[in-house]
Amino acid sequence: MPYDKLSDLPASVRNNLPKNAQEIYMKAFNNAWNQYDDPEKRRGDKSQEEVAHSVAWSAVKEKYQKNEDGEWVKK
């Protein structure tokens, strides 16, 4: 289900990503949720939610990476 605000994101996202990365995650998740609503648009047998989370993490990883301390930082 799409997220309305950052505080609705999963704890694993809220507790680990900086605010800007959370915004990227939320926007990408919501877009993917709408884009992959039809099971025929998805690869394999992944659920709509699984695909949306995968897309969201990929979007975050385009601009952020984990540093040597395991913290997410801008590239």
N, C-alpha and C. Protein backbone atom coordinates (compact mmCIF):
# COMPACT_ATOMS: atom_id res chain seq x y z
N MET A 1 0.84 -1.18 0.00
CA MET A 1 0.00 0.00 0.00
C MET A 1 0.89 1.24 0.00
N PRO A 2 0.59 2.21 -0.81
CA PRO A 2 1.43 3.42 -0.89
C PRO A 2 1.52 4.15 0.46
N TYR A 3 2.59 4.89 0.60
CA TYR A 3 2.84 5.64 1.84
C TYR A 3 2.45 7.10 1.65
N ASP A 4 1.78 7.66 2.65
CA ASP A 4 1.34 9.06 2.61
C ASP A 4 2.37 10.01 3.20
N LYS A 5 3.13 9.53 4.18
CA LYS A 5 4.11 10.39 4.84
C LYS A 5 5.29 9.54 5.31
N LEU A 6 6.41 10.19 5.56
CA LEU A 6 7.63 9.49 5.94
C LEU A 6 7.45 8.64 7.19
N SER A 7 6.64 9.10 8.10
CA SER A 7 6.43 8.35 9.34
C SER A 7 5.69 7.03 9.10
N ASP A 8 5.12 6.85 7.92
CA ASP A 8 4.44 5.60 7.57
C ASP A 8 5.39 4.55 7.02
N LEU A 9 6.60 4.96 6.66
CA LEU A 9 7.57 4.03 6.08
C LEU A 9 7.94 2.95 7.10
N PRO A 10 8.39 1.78 6.61
CA PRO A 10 8.83 0.74 7.53
C PRO A 10 9.97 1.24 8.44
N ALA A 11 10.03 0.70 9.63
CA ALA A 11 11.04 1.11 10.60
C ALA A 11 12.45 0.92 10.04
N SER A 12 12.65 -0.12 9.25
CA SER A 12 13.99 -0.36 8.67
C SER A 12 14.43 0.77 7.75
N VAL A 13 13.48 1.46 7.16
CA VAL A 13 13.79 2.60 6.31
C VAL A 13 13.95 3.85 7.18
N ARG A 14 12.98 4.11 8.04
CA ARG A 14 13.01 5.31 8.89
C ARG A 14 14.23 5.36 9.79
N ASN A 15 14.63 4.23 10.32
CA ASN A 15 15.71 4.19 11.30
C ASN A 15 17.11 4.14 10.69
N ASN A 16 17.19 3.97 9.38
CA ASN A 16 18.51 3.82 8.76
C ASN A 16 18.83 4.85 7.70
N LEU A 17 17.83 5.38 7.03
CA LEU A 17 18.10 6.31 5.93
C LEU A 17 17.94 7.77 6.36
N PRO A 18 18.78 8.66 5.82
CA PRO A 18 18.59 10.09 6.05
C PRO A 18 17.26 10.53 5.43
N LYS A 19 16.78 11.69 5.86
CA LYS A 19 15.47 12.17 5.42
C LYS A 19 15.34 12.21 3.90
N ASN A 20 16.34 12.76 3.20
CA ASN A 20 16.25 12.84 1.74
C ASN A 20 16.15 11.46 1.12
N ALA A 21 16.89 10.51 1.64
CA ALA A 21 16.83 9.14 1.12
C ALA A 21 15.46 8.51 1.40
N GLN A 22 14.87 8.85 2.54
CA GLN A 22 13.52 8.37 2.85
C GLN A 22 12.51 8.93 1.84
N GLU A 23 12.70 10.19 1.47
CA GLU A 23 11.80 10.81 0.48
C GLU A 23 11.94 10.12 -0.87
N ILE A 24 13.17 9.80 -1.26
CA ILE A 24 13.42 9.07 -2.51
C ILE A 24 12.73 7.71 -2.44
N TYR A 25 12.91 7.03 -1.33
CA TYR A 25 12.31 5.70 -1.13
C TYR A 25 10.80 5.76 -1.27
N MET A 26 10.18 6.70 -0.58
CA MET A 26 8.72 6.80 -0.59
C MET A 26 8.19 7.10 -1.99
N LYS A 27 8.83 8.03 -2.68
CA LYS A 27 8.38 8.39 -4.03
C LYS A 27 8.53 7.20 -4.98
N ALA A 28 9.67 6.53 -4.92
CA ALA A 28 9.90 5.38 -5.80
C ALA A 28 8.95 4.23 -5.48
N PHE A 29 8.73 3.99 -4.19
CA PHE A 29 7.80 2.92 -3.80
C PHE A 29 6.41 3.21 -4.33
N ASN A 30 5.93 4.42 -4.10
CA ASN A 30 4.57 4.77 -4.53
C ASN A 30 4.42 4.69 -6.05
N ASN A 31 5.44 5.14 -6.78
CA ASN A 31 5.38 5.05 -8.25
C ASN A 31 5.37 3.59 -8.71
N ALA A 32 6.23 2.78 -8.10
CA ALA A 32 6.30 1.37 -8.48
C ALA A 32 5.01 0.65 -8.10
N TRP A 33 4.43 1.02 -6.97
CA TRP A 33 3.17 0.40 -6.54
C TRP A 33 2.11 0.57 -7.63
N ASN A 34 2.05 1.78 -8.17
CA ASN A 34 1.07 2.05 -9.22
C ASN A 34 1.45 1.39 -10.54
N GLN A 35 2.73 1.42 -10.85
CA GLN A 35 3.20 0.89 -12.14
C GLN A 35 3.05 -0.63 -12.23
N TYR A 36 3.27 -1.32 -11.13
CA TYR A 36 3.26 -2.79 -11.15
C TYR A 36 2.02 -3.38 -10.49
N ASP A 37 0.88 -2.70 -10.64
CA ASP A 37 -0.35 -3.21 -10.05
C ASP A 37 -0.85 -4.47 -10.78
N ASP A 38 -0.52 -4.60 -12.05
CA ASP A 38 -0.91 -5.75 -12.84
C ASP A 38 0.18 -6.83 -12.70
N PRO A 39 -0.18 -8.04 -12.23
CA PRO A 39 0.82 -9.10 -12.06
C PRO A 39 1.60 -9.42 -13.33
N GLU A 40 1.02 -9.18 -14.49
CA GLU A 40 1.71 -9.49 -15.74
C GLU A 40 2.85 -8.52 -16.03
N LYS A 41 2.88 -7.39 -15.33
CA LYS A 41 3.96 -6.42 -15.49
C LYS A 41 5.17 -6.76 -14.62
N ARG A 42 4.99 -7.70 -13.70
CA ARG A 42 6.06 -8.08 -12.78
C ARG A 42 6.80 -9.31 -13.29
N ARG A 43 8.07 -9.40 -12.94
CA ARG A 43 8.86 -10.58 -13.28
C ARG A 43 8.70 -11.62 -12.18
N GLY A 44 8.63 -12.84 -12.56
CA GLY A 44 8.53 -13.92 -11.58
C GLY A 44 7.21 -13.87 -10.84
N ASP A 45 7.24 -14.36 -9.63
CA ASP A 45 6.01 -14.43 -8.84
C ASP A 45 6.01 -13.45 -7.66
N LYS A 46 6.79 -12.38 -7.78
CA LYS A 46 6.85 -11.39 -6.70
C LYS A 46 5.53 -10.65 -6.57
N SER A 47 5.21 -10.32 -5.33
CA SER A 47 3.99 -9.55 -5.08
C SER A 47 4.21 -8.08 -5.45
N GLN A 48 3.13 -7.36 -5.56
CA GLN A 48 3.20 -5.92 -5.87
C GLN A 48 4.05 -5.21 -4.83
N GLU A 49 3.89 -5.57 -3.57
CA GLU A 49 4.65 -4.93 -2.50
C GLU A 49 6.14 -5.26 -2.58
N GLU A 50 6.47 -6.51 -2.87
CA GLU A 50 7.88 -6.91 -2.99
C GLU A 50 8.56 -6.13 -4.12
N VAL A 51 7.89 -6.01 -5.24
CA VAL A 51 8.45 -5.29 -6.37
C VAL A 51 8.64 -3.82 -6.01
N ALA A 52 7.64 -3.22 -5.38
CA ALA A 52 7.73 -1.81 -5.02
C ALA A 52 8.88 -1.55 -4.06
N HIS A 53 9.09 -2.44 -3.08
CA HIS A 53 10.21 -2.26 -2.15
C HIS A 53 11.54 -2.41 -2.88
N SER A 54 11.63 -3.36 -3.80
CA SER A 54 12.87 -3.54 -4.57
C SER A 54 13.19 -2.30 -5.39
N VAL A 55 12.18 -1.76 -6.04
CA VAL A 55 12.38 -0.55 -6.85
C VAL A 55 12.80 0.61 -5.95
N ALA A 56 12.17 0.73 -4.79
CA ALA A 56 12.49 1.83 -3.87
C ALA A 56 13.94 1.75 -3.39
N TRP A 57 14.38 0.55 -3.01
CA TRP A 57 15.77 0.41 -2.56
C TRP A 57 16.74 0.71 -3.70
N SER A 58 16.41 0.29 -4.90
CA SER A 58 17.27 0.58 -6.05
C SER A 58 17.39 2.08 -6.27
N ALA A 59 16.28 2.79 -6.12
CA ALA A 59 16.30 4.25 -6.29
C ALA A 59 17.19 4.91 -5.24
N VAL A 60 17.11 4.44 -4.01
CA VAL A 60 17.96 4.99 -2.94
C VAL A 60 19.43 4.73 -3.26
N LYS A 61 19.73 3.52 -3.72
CA LYS A 61 21.12 3.14 -3.97
C LYS A 61 21.74 3.89 -5.15
N GLU A 62 20.92 4.54 -5.95
CA GLU A 62 21.48 5.36 -7.04
C GLU A 62 22.14 6.63 -6.49
N LYS A 63 21.66 7.13 -5.36
CA LYS A 63 22.17 8.39 -4.80
C LYS A 63 22.89 8.22 -3.47
N TYR A 64 22.68 7.09 -2.80
CA TYR A 64 23.25 6.85 -1.48
C TYR A 64 23.99 5.53 -1.45
N GLN A 65 24.94 5.45 -0.52
CA GLN A 65 25.67 4.21 -0.29
C GLN A 65 25.99 4.11 1.19
N LYS A 66 26.28 2.90 1.63
CA LYS A 66 26.69 2.72 3.02
C LYS A 66 28.18 3.02 3.14
N ASN A 67 28.54 3.74 4.19
CA ASN A 67 29.97 4.01 4.43
C ASN A 67 30.55 2.87 5.27
N GLU A 68 31.81 3.00 5.65
CA GLU A 68 32.49 1.93 6.39
C GLU A 68 31.88 1.69 7.77
N ASP A 69 31.11 2.65 8.27
CA ASP A 69 30.44 2.49 9.56
C ASP A 69 29.02 1.94 9.40
N GLY A 70 28.63 1.66 8.15
CA GLY A 70 27.30 1.11 7.90
C GLY A 70 26.20 2.15 7.83
N GLU A 71 26.58 3.43 7.75
CA GLU A 71 25.60 4.51 7.66
C GLU A 71 25.39 4.87 6.21
N TRP A 72 24.13 5.23 5.87
CA TRP A 72 23.81 5.64 4.51
C TRP A 72 24.23 7.10 4.32
N VAL A 73 25.04 7.33 3.28
CA VAL A 73 25.53 8.67 2.96
C VAL A 73 25.39 8.93 1.47
N LYS A 74 25.32 10.21 1.09
CA LYS A 74 25.24 10.56 -0.33
C LYS A 74 26.51 10.13 -1.04
N LYS A 75 26.35 9.70 -2.27
CA LYS A 75 27.51 9.31 -3.09
C LYS A 75 28.26 10.55 -3.53
